Amino acid sequence: MISRLTRLSLVVALSAAAVPAFAQYGSAMKVAPDRVPSYFVLTNSHVDVDVPNTGKNLDQPGCAAVTYNIGSNGQTSNVVAAKVFPEGDLGIPAVSAVKNFHYAPSSANRSGREIATYYVVEFNMPEDQARRAEILKKCVLPGYTSAQ
């Protein structure tokens, strides 16, 4: 049987262990994709992407919203496919692309304050702009303040 003091010590120890992880993710300011250039400038014009040979809905029109942080060193971290439309394997190449983004702080962000944002990767988009806009709406993530 675990004593009350042991349980309390265990809870305190686990809580203390979680603080650094929370600080890592919690310190980044959420920035909408259209505001990223105010903080960081993408420095690479080409990225290598790992694309699976087979998978679900890889040949369908769609998008993937990929969340990530940009650190003071311009590197991306915590890269996650947060939303994929249509449901399938489009998140794999989307995450691969964003992991290869490199940034430099903008003149307004000389200190390189870390930000959290997202990028929408488009796949096999139709020529019709109305249909394209309809698809892209499915990859908008809430909680990121836009400049508009």
Protein backbone atom coordinates (compact mmCIF):
# COMPACT_ATOMS: atom_id res chain seq x y z
CA MET A 1 0.00 0.00 0.00
CA ILE A 2 1.37 3.41 -0.95
CA SER A 3 1.34 5.96 1.82
CA ARG A 4 -0.25 9.38 1.35
CA LEU A 5 3.16 11.08 1.60
CA THR A 6 4.60 8.82 -1.11
CA ARG A 7 1.69 9.60 -3.43
CA LEU A 8 2.10 13.33 -2.80
CA SER A 9 5.85 13.10 -3.47
CA LEU A 10 5.19 11.20 -6.69
CA VAL A 11 2.66 13.81 -7.87
CA VAL A 12 5.08 16.66 -7.10
CA ALA A 13 7.94 14.88 -8.88
CA LEU A 14 5.84 14.18 -11.97
CA SER A 15 4.56 17.76 -12.02
CA ALA A 16 8.09 19.12 -11.81
CA ALA A 17 9.18 16.87 -14.67
CA ALA A 18 6.36 18.21 -16.84
CA VAL A 19 7.32 21.88 -16.35
CA PRO A 20 10.29 21.90 -18.76
CA ALA A 21 8.20 20.21 -21.45
CA PHE A 22 5.39 22.73 -20.97
CA ALA A 23 7.85 25.62 -21.02
CA GLN A 24 9.29 24.37 -24.30
CA TYR A 25 5.92 24.44 -26.05
CA GLY A 26 4.22 27.15 -24.02
CA SER A 27 6.79 29.91 -24.57
CA ALA A 28 6.17 30.21 -28.31
CA MET A 29 3.74 32.90 -29.42
CA LYS A 30 1.03 31.65 -31.81
CA VAL A 31 1.30 33.45 -35.15
CA ALA A 32 -0.99 33.04 -38.16
CA PRO A 33 0.71 31.92 -41.39
CA ASP A 34 0.21 35.31 -43.05
CA ARG A 35 2.07 37.02 -40.17
CA VAL A 36 5.14 34.76 -40.11
CA PRO A 37 7.21 37.11 -42.36
CA SER A 38 6.93 39.75 -39.61
CA TYR A 39 8.95 37.41 -37.38
CA PHE A 40 10.93 35.09 -39.64
CA VAL A 41 11.89 34.95 -43.32
CA LEU A 42 12.08 31.62 -45.13
CA THR A 43 15.65 31.30 -46.43
CA ASN A 44 15.45 28.21 -48.61
CA SER A 45 13.71 28.32 -51.97
CA HIS A 46 13.69 24.53 -52.39
CA VAL A 47 13.01 21.70 -49.95
CA ASP A 48 13.48 17.97 -50.34
CA VAL A 49 10.34 16.02 -49.55
CA ASP A 50 9.90 12.34 -48.71
CA VAL A 51 6.85 11.13 -50.63
CA PRO A 52 5.53 7.61 -50.12
CA ASN A 53 5.19 5.45 -53.24
CA THR A 54 1.76 4.30 -52.16
CA GLY A 55 -0.81 5.51 -49.69
CA LYS A 56 -4.37 6.59 -49.11
CA ASN A 57 -5.63 9.58 -51.16
CA LEU A 58 -2.17 10.62 -52.38
CA ASP A 59 -3.58 11.33 -55.84
CA GLN A 60 -6.60 13.33 -54.63
CA PRO A 61 -6.90 17.13 -54.40
CA GLY A 62 -6.25 18.05 -50.80
CA CYS A 63 -4.26 19.88 -48.19
CA ALA A 64 -2.43 19.32 -44.94
CA ALA A 65 -2.12 21.89 -42.15
CA VAL A 66 1.23 21.34 -40.45
CA THR A 67 1.88 22.98 -37.08
CA TYR A 68 5.43 23.77 -36.02
CA ASN A 69 7.65 26.07 -34.01
CA ILE A 70 10.40 28.27 -35.41
CA GLY A 71 13.24 28.66 -32.92
CA SER A 72 15.70 31.52 -32.54
CA ASN A 73 18.15 29.50 -34.67
CA GLY A 74 15.63 29.42 -37.56
CA GLN A 75 15.09 25.68 -37.31
CA THR A 76 11.65 24.09 -37.22
CA SER A 77 10.63 21.83 -34.35
CA ASN A 78 7.52 20.09 -33.02
CA VAL A 79 6.38 19.46 -36.61
CA VAL A 80 2.95 17.77 -36.70
CA ALA A 81 0.30 17.22 -39.36
CA ALA A 82 -2.60 18.75 -37.43
CA LYS A 83 -5.27 18.43 -40.11
CA VAL A 84 -5.31 16.49 -43.38
CA PHE A 85 -8.03 16.68 -46.04
CA PRO A 86 -9.10 14.29 -47.36
CA GLU A 87 -8.20 11.85 -44.62
CA GLY A 88 -5.21 9.84 -45.76
CA ASP A 89 -1.44 9.91 -46.10
CA LEU A 90 -0.88 13.47 -47.38
CA GLY A 91 0.44 14.39 -43.93
CA ILE A 92 3.61 12.37 -44.53
CA PRO A 93 5.05 14.51 -47.35
CA ALA A 94 3.66 17.69 -45.73
CA VAL A 95 5.58 17.06 -42.49
CA SER A 96 8.67 16.12 -44.48
CA ALA A 97 8.55 19.45 -46.33
CA VAL A 98 8.09 21.61 -43.23
CA LYS A 99 10.89 19.82 -41.36
CA ASN A 100 13.22 21.08 -44.10
CA PHE A 101 12.20 24.76 -43.84
CA HIS A 102 14.96 27.10 -42.65
CA TYR A 103 14.35 30.65 -41.44
CA ALA A 104 16.19 33.80 -40.42
CA PRO A 105 14.76 36.35 -37.98
CA SER A 106 13.15 39.36 -39.65
CA SER A 107 14.37 42.88 -38.92
CA ALA A 108 11.43 43.30 -36.52
CA ASN A 109 12.43 40.13 -34.62
CA ARG A 110 16.19 40.54 -34.25
CA SER A 111 16.20 38.52 -31.03
CA GLY A 112 14.61 35.59 -32.86
CA ARG A 113 11.68 35.14 -30.50
CA GLU A 114 10.29 31.62 -30.94
CA ILE A 115 6.90 31.38 -32.60
CA ALA A 116 4.34 28.64 -33.19
CA THR A 117 2.57 28.66 -36.52
CA TYR A 118 1.29 26.41 -39.26
CA TYR A 119 1.73 25.97 -42.98
CA VAL A 120 -0.83 24.60 -45.41
CA VAL A 121 0.67 22.27 -47.99
CA GLU A 122 -1.45 21.93 -51.13
CA PHE A 123 -1.70 18.72 -53.14
CA ASN A 124 -3.11 18.11 -56.63
CA MET A 125 -5.18 21.30 -56.51
CA PRO A 126 -7.87 21.86 -59.15
CA GLU A 127 -7.63 24.76 -61.61
CA ASP A 128 -11.06 26.00 -60.50
CA GLN A 129 -10.39 28.71 -57.88
CA ALA A 130 -13.73 28.22 -56.11
CA ARG A 131 -13.07 24.48 -55.64
CA ARG A 132 -9.50 25.22 -54.54
CA ALA A 133 -10.71 27.73 -51.93
CA GLU A 134 -13.27 25.21 -50.69
CA ILE A 135 -10.53 22.62 -50.16
CA LEU A 136 -8.16 25.08 -48.46
CA LYS A 137 -10.84 26.15 -45.96
CA LYS A 138 -10.71 22.62 -44.59
CA CYS A 139 -7.09 23.17 -43.52
CA VAL A 140 -7.54 26.44 -41.63
CA LEU A 141 -6.66 25.99 -37.96
CA PRO A 142 -8.36 27.99 -35.19
CA GLY A 143 -6.41 29.92 -32.57
CA TYR A 144 -3.95 31.71 -34.83
CA THR A 145 -4.63 35.45 -35.11
CA SER A 146 -4.50 36.68 -38.69
CA ALA A 147 -3.35 40.12 -39.84
CA GLN A 148 -6.63 40.57 -41.73
